[in-house]
Amino acid sequence: MMSALEVVAKPEFAKADLEWLTQLREVKTHTPGPPSFTLVFPGADSAVAVTKHVQAVCAGIDRIRFCLHSAMIVPEHKTGWFHVFLVPDEGFGAIIRLHDRLHVGPLACCWPDMPYIPHLTVASMRELNRARTMMASLNAKDLAVIGRIDELEVQARDANEQRCLARVPLARHGFFH
């Protein structure tokens, strides 16, 4: 079976925030490891062309600082799941622009069939009321999870496995970056 390629950003967080996010995801999504923003969902198949394209895009993008302040529910109608996302208030536009720049050339075929919302998935549930309760609990807190995207990963995804094929740094322009 041929792997489908995707592009993700694995943000940097303060240690306590990373531990909290990782534990939350492991318990509520049964997904091990730190959270990531999926910028290009699986679909492309030419690793060389995709990696070159991602390198070209990243060369013109400053690293992205963001802050997660709120949670929202996104239903996946085809499967009956309800996903609880943490979404960035700060950095939202920069992540959207990066997403759009990636989806040309060899990644144009991966344009999503629904609007892209930058997010970290922290829960996946079959029951809407449980998802609402979790969303309300998160939104009742004074969330301010600060993170930074320094690089992107080109990954090959099989049915049960993701493999990093390349790490591509974002440009680091400016005095405060």
N, C-alpha and C. Protein backbone atom coordinates (compact mmCIF):
# COMPACT_ATOMS: atom_id res chain seq x y z
N MET A 1 0.83 -1.19 0.00
CA MET A 1 0.00 0.00 0.00
C MET A 1 0.87 1.25 0.00
N MET A 2 0.59 2.20 -0.86
CA MET A 2 1.35 3.43 -0.95
C MET A 2 0.93 4.40 0.15
N SER A 3 1.89 5.09 0.72
CA SER A 3 1.61 6.07 1.76
C SER A 3 1.09 7.36 1.13
N ALA A 4 0.18 7.99 1.84
CA ALA A 4 -0.27 9.33 1.45
C ALA A 4 0.55 10.33 2.25
N LEU A 5 0.87 11.43 1.63
CA LEU A 5 1.69 12.44 2.29
C LEU A 5 0.82 13.50 2.93
N GLU A 6 1.28 14.03 4.05
CA GLU A 6 0.61 15.13 4.73
C GLU A 6 1.68 16.06 5.27
N VAL A 7 1.26 17.27 5.65
CA VAL A 7 2.18 18.25 6.21
C VAL A 7 1.60 18.70 7.55
N VAL A 8 2.43 18.61 8.59
CA VAL A 8 1.98 18.99 9.93
C VAL A 8 2.98 19.95 10.56
N ALA A 9 2.50 20.68 11.55
CA ALA A 9 3.34 21.52 12.39
C ALA A 9 3.21 21.00 13.81
N LYS A 10 4.34 20.69 14.42
CA LYS A 10 4.37 20.27 15.82
C LYS A 10 4.91 21.44 16.63
N PRO A 11 4.00 22.21 17.23
CA PRO A 11 4.42 23.44 17.90
C PRO A 11 5.27 23.22 19.14
N GLU A 12 5.98 24.27 19.47
CA GLU A 12 6.72 24.34 20.74
C GLU A 12 5.79 24.98 21.76
N PHE A 13 5.77 24.42 22.98
CA PHE A 13 4.97 24.94 24.08
C PHE A 13 5.84 24.99 25.34
N ALA A 14 5.39 25.75 26.33
CA ALA A 14 5.99 25.67 27.65
C ALA A 14 5.80 24.24 28.15
N LYS A 15 6.72 23.75 28.97
CA LYS A 15 6.71 22.36 29.41
C LYS A 15 5.37 21.97 30.06
N ALA A 16 4.84 22.79 30.96
CA ALA A 16 3.59 22.44 31.65
C ALA A 16 2.42 22.38 30.67
N ASP A 17 2.37 23.31 29.71
CA ASP A 17 1.30 23.30 28.71
C ASP A 17 1.39 22.07 27.81
N LEU A 18 2.61 21.71 27.41
CA LEU A 18 2.80 20.54 26.57
C LEU A 18 2.36 19.27 27.32
N GLU A 19 2.73 19.16 28.58
CA GLU A 19 2.33 17.99 29.37
C GLU A 19 0.80 17.91 29.49
N TRP A 20 0.14 19.05 29.76
CA TRP A 20 -1.31 19.08 29.89
C TRP A 20 -1.99 18.69 28.57
N LEU A 21 -1.55 19.29 27.47
CA LEU A 21 -2.14 18.99 26.16
C LEU A 21 -1.93 17.52 25.78
N THR A 22 -0.74 17.01 26.00
CA THR A 22 -0.43 15.63 25.65
C THR A 22 -1.28 14.66 26.47
N GLN A 23 -1.39 14.90 27.76
CA GLN A 23 -2.20 14.03 28.61
C GLN A 23 -3.68 14.11 28.23
N LEU A 24 -4.18 15.32 27.99
CA LEU A 24 -5.57 15.50 27.60
C LEU A 24 -5.88 14.72 26.32
N ARG A 25 -5.03 14.85 25.32
CA ARG A 25 -5.22 14.13 24.05
C ARG A 25 -5.16 12.62 24.23
N GLU A 26 -4.21 12.15 25.03
CA GLU A 26 -4.08 10.70 25.23
C GLU A 26 -5.33 10.12 25.88
N VAL A 27 -5.91 10.85 26.85
CA VAL A 27 -7.09 10.37 27.55
C VAL A 27 -8.34 10.50 26.69
N LYS A 28 -8.49 11.62 25.99
CA LYS A 28 -9.74 11.91 25.29
C LYS A 28 -9.76 11.52 23.82
N THR A 29 -8.61 11.30 23.20
CA THR A 29 -8.60 10.86 21.80
C THR A 29 -7.88 9.53 21.62
N HIS A 30 -7.23 9.06 22.69
CA HIS A 30 -6.43 7.84 22.65
C HIS A 30 -5.33 7.95 21.61
N THR A 31 -4.82 9.18 21.45
CA THR A 31 -3.74 9.46 20.52
C THR A 31 -2.50 9.80 21.32
N PRO A 32 -1.46 8.99 21.24
CA PRO A 32 -0.25 9.29 21.99
C PRO A 32 0.55 10.43 21.36
N GLY A 33 1.36 11.07 22.18
CA GLY A 33 2.27 12.07 21.68
C GLY A 33 1.72 13.47 21.70
N PRO A 34 2.59 14.42 21.40
CA PRO A 34 2.21 15.83 21.46
C PRO A 34 1.24 16.21 20.34
N PRO A 35 0.50 17.29 20.54
CA PRO A 35 -0.46 17.74 19.53
C PRO A 35 0.23 18.38 18.34
N SER A 36 -0.50 18.42 17.22
CA SER A 36 0.04 19.08 16.03
C SER A 36 -1.10 19.70 15.24
N PHE A 37 -0.73 20.68 14.42
CA PHE A 37 -1.65 21.26 13.45
C PHE A 37 -1.45 20.50 12.15
N THR A 38 -2.49 19.87 11.63
CA THR A 38 -2.39 19.29 10.29
C THR A 38 -2.69 20.40 9.31
N LEU A 39 -1.71 20.71 8.48
CA LEU A 39 -1.86 21.79 7.50
C LEU A 39 -2.26 21.28 6.13
N VAL A 40 -1.80 20.08 5.78
CA VAL A 40 -2.18 19.44 4.53
C VAL A 40 -2.56 18.01 4.88
N PHE A 41 -3.81 17.66 4.63
CA PHE A 41 -4.30 16.33 4.94
C PHE A 41 -3.80 15.34 3.89
N PRO A 42 -3.70 14.06 4.25
CA PRO A 42 -3.12 13.07 3.33
C PRO A 42 -3.77 13.09 1.95
N GLY A 43 -2.91 12.96 0.93
CA GLY A 43 -3.44 12.92 -0.43
C GLY A 43 -2.37 12.93 -1.49
N ALA A 44 -1.35 13.72 -1.34
CA ALA A 44 -0.29 13.79 -2.35
C ALA A 44 0.58 12.54 -2.26
N ASP A 45 1.31 12.25 -3.35
CA ASP A 45 2.09 11.02 -3.33
C ASP A 45 3.53 11.15 -3.82
N SER A 46 3.98 12.33 -4.19
CA SER A 46 5.36 12.50 -4.64
C SER A 46 6.17 13.18 -3.55
N ALA A 47 6.90 12.38 -2.76
CA ALA A 47 7.63 12.92 -1.62
C ALA A 47 8.66 13.98 -2.03
N VAL A 48 9.34 13.76 -3.13
CA VAL A 48 10.36 14.71 -3.57
C VAL A 48 9.71 16.05 -3.94
N ALA A 49 8.66 16.02 -4.75
CA ALA A 49 8.00 17.26 -5.17
C ALA A 49 7.36 17.97 -3.99
N VAL A 50 6.74 17.23 -3.09
CA VAL A 50 6.09 17.84 -1.94
C VAL A 50 7.14 18.49 -1.03
N THR A 51 8.22 17.79 -0.76
CA THR A 51 9.27 18.33 0.11
C THR A 51 9.87 19.60 -0.48
N LYS A 52 10.15 19.60 -1.77
CA LYS A 52 10.69 20.81 -2.42
C LYS A 52 9.70 21.96 -2.33
N HIS A 53 8.43 21.66 -2.54
CA HIS A 53 7.40 22.70 -2.45
C HIS A 53 7.31 23.26 -1.04
N VAL A 54 7.30 22.40 -0.04
CA VAL A 54 7.22 22.85 1.36
C VAL A 54 8.45 23.69 1.70
N GLN A 55 9.63 23.31 1.23
CA GLN A 55 10.84 24.09 1.47
C GLN A 55 10.72 25.48 0.86
N ALA A 56 10.20 25.56 -0.35
CA ALA A 56 10.04 26.86 -1.01
C ALA A 56 9.05 27.74 -0.27
N VAL A 57 7.94 27.17 0.18
CA VAL A 57 6.94 27.94 0.92
C VAL A 57 7.52 28.41 2.25
N CYS A 58 8.16 27.51 2.99
CA CYS A 58 8.68 27.84 4.32
C CYS A 58 9.78 28.90 4.28
N ALA A 59 10.51 28.97 3.18
CA ALA A 59 11.59 29.96 3.07
C ALA A 59 11.05 31.38 3.14
N GLY A 60 9.79 31.57 2.81
CA GLY A 60 9.20 32.91 2.83
C GLY A 60 8.22 33.16 3.96
N ILE A 61 8.17 32.27 4.95
CA ILE A 61 7.21 32.39 6.05
C ILE A 61 7.97 32.50 7.37
N ASP A 62 7.70 33.55 8.13
CA ASP A 62 8.30 33.67 9.46
C ASP A 62 7.67 32.65 10.40
N ARG A 63 8.43 32.26 11.41
CA ARG A 63 7.84 31.34 12.37
C ARG A 63 6.61 32.00 12.97
N ILE A 64 5.69 31.17 13.42
CA ILE A 64 4.36 31.67 13.81
C ILE A 64 4.15 31.49 15.30
N ARG A 65 3.85 32.59 15.95
CA ARG A 65 3.47 32.55 17.37
C ARG A 65 1.95 32.55 17.42
N PHE A 66 1.40 31.79 18.37
CA PHE A 66 -0.05 31.71 18.50
C PHE A 66 -0.42 31.54 19.97
N CYS A 67 -1.70 31.74 20.26
CA CYS A 67 -2.22 31.51 21.60
C CYS A 67 -3.60 30.87 21.49
N LEU A 68 -3.75 29.73 22.15
CA LEU A 68 -5.03 29.01 22.18
C LEU A 68 -5.85 29.55 23.35
N HIS A 69 -7.00 30.13 23.03
CA HIS A 69 -7.86 30.71 24.06
C HIS A 69 -9.21 30.01 24.17
N SER A 70 -9.61 29.25 23.16
CA SER A 70 -10.98 28.73 23.19
C SER A 70 -11.10 27.36 22.55
N ALA A 71 -12.19 26.68 22.94
CA ALA A 71 -12.50 25.36 22.42
C ALA A 71 -13.78 25.44 21.60
N MET A 72 -13.89 24.55 20.62
CA MET A 72 -15.11 24.46 19.82
C MET A 72 -15.32 23.00 19.42
N ILE A 73 -16.56 22.69 19.06
CA ILE A 73 -16.89 21.34 18.61
C ILE A 73 -17.05 21.35 17.09
N VAL A 74 -16.47 20.35 16.45
CA VAL A 74 -16.65 20.18 15.02
C VAL A 74 -17.14 18.75 14.80
N PRO A 75 -18.35 18.60 14.26
CA PRO A 75 -18.87 17.25 14.00
C PRO A 75 -18.27 16.67 12.73
N GLU A 76 -18.06 15.37 12.76
CA GLU A 76 -17.64 14.65 11.56
C GLU A 76 -18.84 13.78 11.16
N HIS A 77 -19.68 14.33 10.31
CA HIS A 77 -20.97 13.73 10.00
C HIS A 77 -20.86 12.32 9.41
N LYS A 78 -19.86 12.08 8.59
CA LYS A 78 -19.73 10.77 7.94
C LYS A 78 -19.48 9.65 8.93
N THR A 79 -18.77 9.97 10.03
CA THR A 79 -18.41 8.92 10.99
C THR A 79 -19.21 8.99 12.29
N GLY A 80 -19.89 10.11 12.53
CA GLY A 80 -20.65 10.25 13.76
C GLY A 80 -19.84 10.68 14.97
N TRP A 81 -18.63 11.16 14.75
CA TRP A 81 -17.79 11.63 15.85
C TRP A 81 -17.96 13.13 16.03
N PHE A 82 -17.71 13.58 17.26
CA PHE A 82 -17.68 15.02 17.58
C PHE A 82 -16.29 15.30 18.13
N HIS A 83 -15.58 16.21 17.47
CA HIS A 83 -14.21 16.54 17.87
C HIS A 83 -14.20 17.87 18.61
N VAL A 84 -13.46 17.90 19.71
CA VAL A 84 -13.27 19.14 20.46
C VAL A 84 -11.91 19.68 20.06
N PHE A 85 -11.93 20.88 19.51
CA PHE A 85 -10.72 21.55 19.04
C PHE A 85 -10.35 22.68 19.99
N LEU A 86 -9.06 22.88 20.19
CA LEU A 86 -8.56 24.14 20.73
C LEU A 86 -8.11 24.94 19.53
N VAL A 87 -8.58 26.18 19.44
CA VAL A 87 -8.27 27.02 18.28
C VAL A 87 -7.53 28.27 18.72
N PRO A 88 -6.60 28.71 17.90
CA PRO A 88 -5.84 29.91 18.26
C PRO A 88 -6.63 31.17 17.92
N ASP A 89 -6.70 32.08 18.86
CA ASP A 89 -7.21 33.42 18.57
C ASP A 89 -6.08 34.22 17.93
N GLU A 90 -4.96 34.24 18.62
CA GLU A 90 -3.76 34.91 18.10
C GLU A 90 -3.03 33.92 17.21
N GLY A 91 -2.63 34.36 16.03
CA GLY A 91 -1.93 33.50 15.09
C GLY A 91 -2.84 32.79 14.10
N PHE A 92 -4.15 32.92 14.28
CA PHE A 92 -5.11 32.24 13.41
C PHE A 92 -4.86 32.60 11.94
N GLY A 93 -4.78 33.89 11.65
CA GLY A 93 -4.59 34.34 10.26
C GLY A 93 -3.28 33.87 9.67
N ALA A 94 -2.20 33.87 10.45
CA ALA A 94 -0.90 33.43 9.94
C ALA A 94 -0.94 31.94 9.58
N ILE A 95 -1.63 31.14 10.39
CA ILE A 95 -1.73 29.71 10.10
C ILE A 95 -2.60 29.48 8.86
N ILE A 96 -3.69 30.23 8.73
CA ILE A 96 -4.55 30.13 7.53
C ILE A 96 -3.74 30.47 6.28
N ARG A 97 -2.97 31.56 6.32
CA ARG A 97 -2.17 31.95 5.15
C ARG A 97 -1.13 30.89 4.80
N LEU A 98 -0.50 30.28 5.80
CA LEU A 98 0.45 29.20 5.55
C LEU A 98 -0.27 28.02 4.90
N HIS A 99 -1.41 27.64 5.44
CA HIS A 99 -2.23 26.56 4.87
C HIS A 99 -2.52 26.83 3.39
N ASP A 100 -2.96 28.04 3.07
CA ASP A 100 -3.31 28.39 1.69
C ASP A 100 -2.09 28.34 0.77
N ARG A 101 -0.95 28.82 1.24
CA ARG A 101 0.27 28.81 0.41
C ARG A 101 0.76 27.40 0.13
N LEU A 102 0.51 26.50 1.06
CA LEU A 102 0.93 25.12 0.85
C LEU A 102 0.08 24.41 -0.21
N HIS A 103 -1.18 24.83 -0.35
CA HIS A 103 -2.12 24.11 -1.22
C HIS A 103 -2.10 24.58 -2.67
N VAL A 104 -0.92 24.67 -3.23
CA VAL A 104 -0.74 24.92 -4.66
C VAL A 104 0.25 23.89 -5.18
N GLY A 105 0.45 23.85 -6.47
CA GLY A 105 1.41 22.92 -7.05
C GLY A 105 1.10 21.49 -6.68
N PRO A 106 2.11 20.76 -6.15
CA PRO A 106 1.91 19.34 -5.88
C PRO A 106 0.91 19.06 -4.74
N LEU A 107 0.53 20.08 -3.99
CA LEU A 107 -0.43 19.88 -2.89
C LEU A 107 -1.82 20.44 -3.20
N ALA A 108 -2.02 20.93 -4.40
CA ALA A 108 -3.34 21.46 -4.78
C ALA A 108 -4.41 20.38 -4.69
N CYS A 109 -4.03 19.14 -4.93
CA CYS A 109 -4.99 18.03 -4.89
C CYS A 109 -5.48 17.74 -3.47
N CYS A 110 -4.86 18.32 -2.48
CA CYS A 110 -5.19 18.04 -1.08
C CYS A 110 -6.07 19.11 -0.46
N TRP A 111 -6.55 20.06 -1.28
CA TRP A 111 -7.40 21.12 -0.73
C TRP A 111 -8.60 20.48 -0.06
N PRO A 112 -8.87 20.84 1.20
CA PRO A 112 -9.98 20.18 1.92
C PRO A 112 -11.34 20.55 1.35
N ASP A 113 -12.30 19.64 1.51
CA ASP A 113 -13.64 19.87 0.99
C ASP A 113 -14.52 20.63 1.98
N MET A 114 -13.92 21.11 3.07
CA MET A 114 -14.63 21.95 4.03
C MET A 114 -13.68 23.05 4.49
N PRO A 115 -14.20 24.12 5.06
CA PRO A 115 -13.32 25.21 5.49
C PRO A 115 -12.26 24.72 6.48
N TYR A 116 -11.06 25.25 6.33
CA TYR A 116 -9.96 24.88 7.23
C TYR A 116 -10.02 25.72 8.48
N ILE A 117 -9.97 25.07 9.62
CA ILE A 117 -9.91 25.74 10.92
C ILE A 117 -8.62 25.28 11.59
N PRO A 118 -7.65 26.18 11.80
CA PRO A 118 -6.45 25.77 12.52
C PRO A 118 -6.87 25.27 13.91
N HIS A 119 -6.35 24.11 14.29
CA HIS A 119 -6.80 23.54 15.56
C HIS A 119 -5.86 22.45 16.05
N LEU A 120 -5.96 22.20 17.34
CA LEU A 120 -5.39 21.02 17.96
C LEU A 120 -6.57 20.21 18.48
N THR A 121 -6.69 18.97 18.06
CA THR A 121 -7.78 18.12 18.53
C THR A 121 -7.42 17.61 19.92
N VAL A 122 -8.31 17.89 20.89
CA VAL A 122 -8.06 17.44 22.26
C VAL A 122 -9.05 16.37 22.72
N ALA A 123 -10.11 16.13 21.94
CA ALA A 123 -11.06 15.08 22.29
C ALA A 123 -11.84 14.66 21.06
N SER A 124 -12.22 13.40 21.02
CA SER A 124 -13.09 12.86 19.98
C SER A 124 -14.08 11.95 20.69
N MET A 125 -15.38 12.26 20.50
CA MET A 125 -16.43 11.55 21.23
C MET A 125 -17.60 11.25 20.32
N ARG A 126 -18.30 10.19 20.62
CA ARG A 126 -19.50 9.83 19.87
C ARG A 126 -20.73 10.58 20.37
N GLU A 127 -20.72 11.00 21.64
CA GLU A 127 -21.89 11.65 22.23
C GLU A 127 -21.71 13.17 22.22
N LEU A 128 -22.64 13.87 21.58
CA LEU A 128 -22.57 15.32 21.49
C LEU A 128 -22.60 15.96 22.88
N ASN A 129 -23.42 15.46 23.78
CA ASN A 129 -23.51 16.08 25.11
C ASN A 129 -22.19 15.99 25.88
N ARG A 130 -21.47 14.87 25.73
CA ARG A 130 -20.15 14.77 26.37
C ARG A 130 -19.18 15.78 25.76
N ALA A 131 -19.23 15.92 24.44
CA ALA A 131 -18.36 16.89 23.78
C ALA A 131 -18.71 18.31 24.23
N ARG A 132 -20.00 18.61 24.35
CA ARG A 132 -20.42 19.94 24.82
C ARG A 132 -19.93 20.21 26.23
N THR A 133 -20.04 19.19 27.08
CA THR A 133 -19.58 19.35 28.47
C THR A 133 -18.09 19.65 28.51
N MET A 134 -17.33 18.92 27.72
CA MET A 134 -15.89 19.15 27.70
C MET A 134 -15.55 20.54 27.14
N MET A 135 -16.22 20.92 26.04
CA MET A 135 -15.99 22.24 25.47
C MET A 135 -16.31 23.33 26.49
N ALA A 136 -17.45 23.20 27.18
CA ALA A 136 -17.84 24.19 28.18
C ALA A 136 -16.83 24.26 29.32
N SER A 137 -16.32 23.12 29.73
CA SER A 137 -15.32 23.07 30.79
C SER A 137 -14.04 23.80 30.38
N LEU A 138 -13.61 23.56 29.16
CA LEU A 138 -12.40 24.24 28.66
C LEU A 138 -12.63 25.74 28.51
N ASN A 139 -13.80 26.12 28.00
CA ASN A 139 -14.09 27.54 27.78
C ASN A 139 -14.36 28.28 29.08
N ALA A 140 -14.68 27.56 30.16
CA ALA A 140 -14.89 28.20 31.46
C ALA A 140 -13.56 28.60 32.10
N LYS A 141 -12.48 27.99 31.63
CA LYS A 141 -11.15 28.32 32.14
C LYS A 141 -10.64 29.56 31.42
N ASP A 142 -9.67 30.19 32.01
CA ASP A 142 -9.03 31.33 31.35
C ASP A 142 -7.85 30.79 30.55
N LEU A 143 -8.17 30.08 29.46
CA LEU A 143 -7.13 29.45 28.65
C LEU A 143 -6.23 30.50 28.01
N ALA A 144 -4.96 30.23 28.03
CA ALA A 144 -3.98 31.05 27.32
C ALA A 144 -2.76 30.17 27.11
N VAL A 145 -2.88 29.23 26.18
CA VAL A 145 -1.79 28.31 25.88
C VAL A 145 -0.99 28.90 24.72
N ILE A 146 0.19 29.36 25.03
CA ILE A 146 1.05 30.03 24.05
C ILE A 146 1.96 29.00 23.39
N GLY A 147 2.07 29.11 22.07
CA GLY A 147 2.93 28.20 21.32
C GLY A 147 3.58 28.89 20.15
N ARG A 148 4.46 28.14 19.49
CA ARG A 148 5.18 28.69 18.33
C ARG A 148 5.43 27.56 17.34
N ILE A 149 5.22 27.86 16.08
CA ILE A 149 5.52 26.92 15.00
C ILE A 149 6.85 27.35 14.39
N ASP A 150 7.85 26.50 14.54
CA ASP A 150 9.19 26.78 14.02
C ASP A 150 9.49 26.01 12.74
N GLU A 151 8.81 24.88 12.56
CA GLU A 151 9.09 24.03 11.40
C GLU A 151 7.87 23.20 11.05
N LEU A 152 7.89 22.70 9.84
CA LEU A 152 6.84 21.79 9.37
C LEU A 152 7.47 20.42 9.12
N GLU A 153 6.64 19.40 9.19
CA GLU A 153 7.08 18.05 8.86
C GLU A 153 6.29 17.54 7.67
N VAL A 154 6.99 16.97 6.70
CA VAL A 154 6.35 16.20 5.64
C VAL A 154 6.32 14.77 6.15
N GLN A 155 5.11 14.21 6.21
CA GLN A 155 4.95 12.87 6.77
C GLN A 155 4.30 11.94 5.76
N ALA A 156 4.68 10.69 5.84
CA ALA A 156 3.99 9.64 5.09
C ALA A 156 3.05 8.96 6.06
N ARG A 157 1.79 8.80 5.66
CA ARG A 157 0.79 8.18 6.53
C ARG A 157 0.28 6.91 5.88
N ASP A 158 0.41 5.82 6.63
CA ASP A 158 -0.20 4.55 6.27
C ASP A 158 -1.42 4.38 7.17
N ALA A 159 -2.08 3.26 7.08
CA ALA A 159 -3.28 3.02 7.87
C ALA A 159 -3.07 3.28 9.36
N ASN A 160 -1.96 2.83 9.91
CA ASN A 160 -1.75 2.94 11.35
C ASN A 160 -0.47 3.64 11.74
N GLU A 161 0.21 4.27 10.80
CA GLU A 161 1.54 4.79 11.10
C GLU A 161 1.79 6.10 10.36
N GLN A 162 2.51 6.99 11.05
CA GLN A 162 3.00 8.22 10.43
C GLN A 162 4.53 8.18 10.52
N ARG A 163 5.19 8.52 9.43
CA ARG A 163 6.65 8.58 9.41
C ARG A 163 7.08 9.95 8.92
N CYS A 164 8.00 10.57 9.63
CA CYS A 164 8.54 11.86 9.20
C CYS A 164 9.52 11.63 8.07
N LEU A 165 9.26 12.29 6.93
CA LEU A 165 10.15 12.20 5.78
C LEU A 165 11.12 13.37 5.72
N ALA A 166 10.66 14.54 6.21
CA ALA A 166 11.51 15.74 6.18
C ALA A 166 10.99 16.74 7.20
N ARG A 167 11.93 17.44 7.83
CA ARG A 167 11.61 18.58 8.70
C ARG A 167 12.10 19.82 7.97
N VAL A 168 11.20 20.80 7.85
CA VAL A 168 11.51 22.00 7.08
C VAL A 168 11.30 23.21 7.98
N PRO A 169 12.36 23.95 8.30
CA PRO A 169 12.21 25.11 9.18
C PRO A 169 11.53 26.28 8.47
N LEU A 170 10.75 27.03 9.26
CA LEU A 170 10.22 28.30 8.77
C LEU A 170 11.35 29.33 8.85
N ALA A 171 11.27 30.37 8.03
CA ALA A 171 12.26 31.44 8.08
C ALA A 171 12.21 32.08 9.46
N ARG A 172 13.30 32.65 9.86
CA ARG A 172 13.34 33.30 11.19
C ARG A 172 13.80 34.75 11.00
N HIS A 173 12.97 35.53 10.34
CA HIS A 173 13.31 36.91 10.08
C HIS A 173 12.93 37.78 11.26
N GLY A 174 13.57 38.91 11.35
CA GLY A 174 13.19 39.90 12.35
C GLY A 174 13.99 39.77 13.63
N PHE A 175 14.07 40.87 14.35
CA PHE A 175 14.84 40.97 15.58
C PHE A 175 14.28 40.12 16.70
N PHE A 176 12.97 40.05 16.82
CA PHE A 176 12.34 39.37 17.95
C PHE A 176 12.00 37.92 17.65
N HIS A 177 12.36 37.40 16.54
CA HIS A 177 12.10 35.99 16.22
C HIS A 177 13.31 35.21 16.57
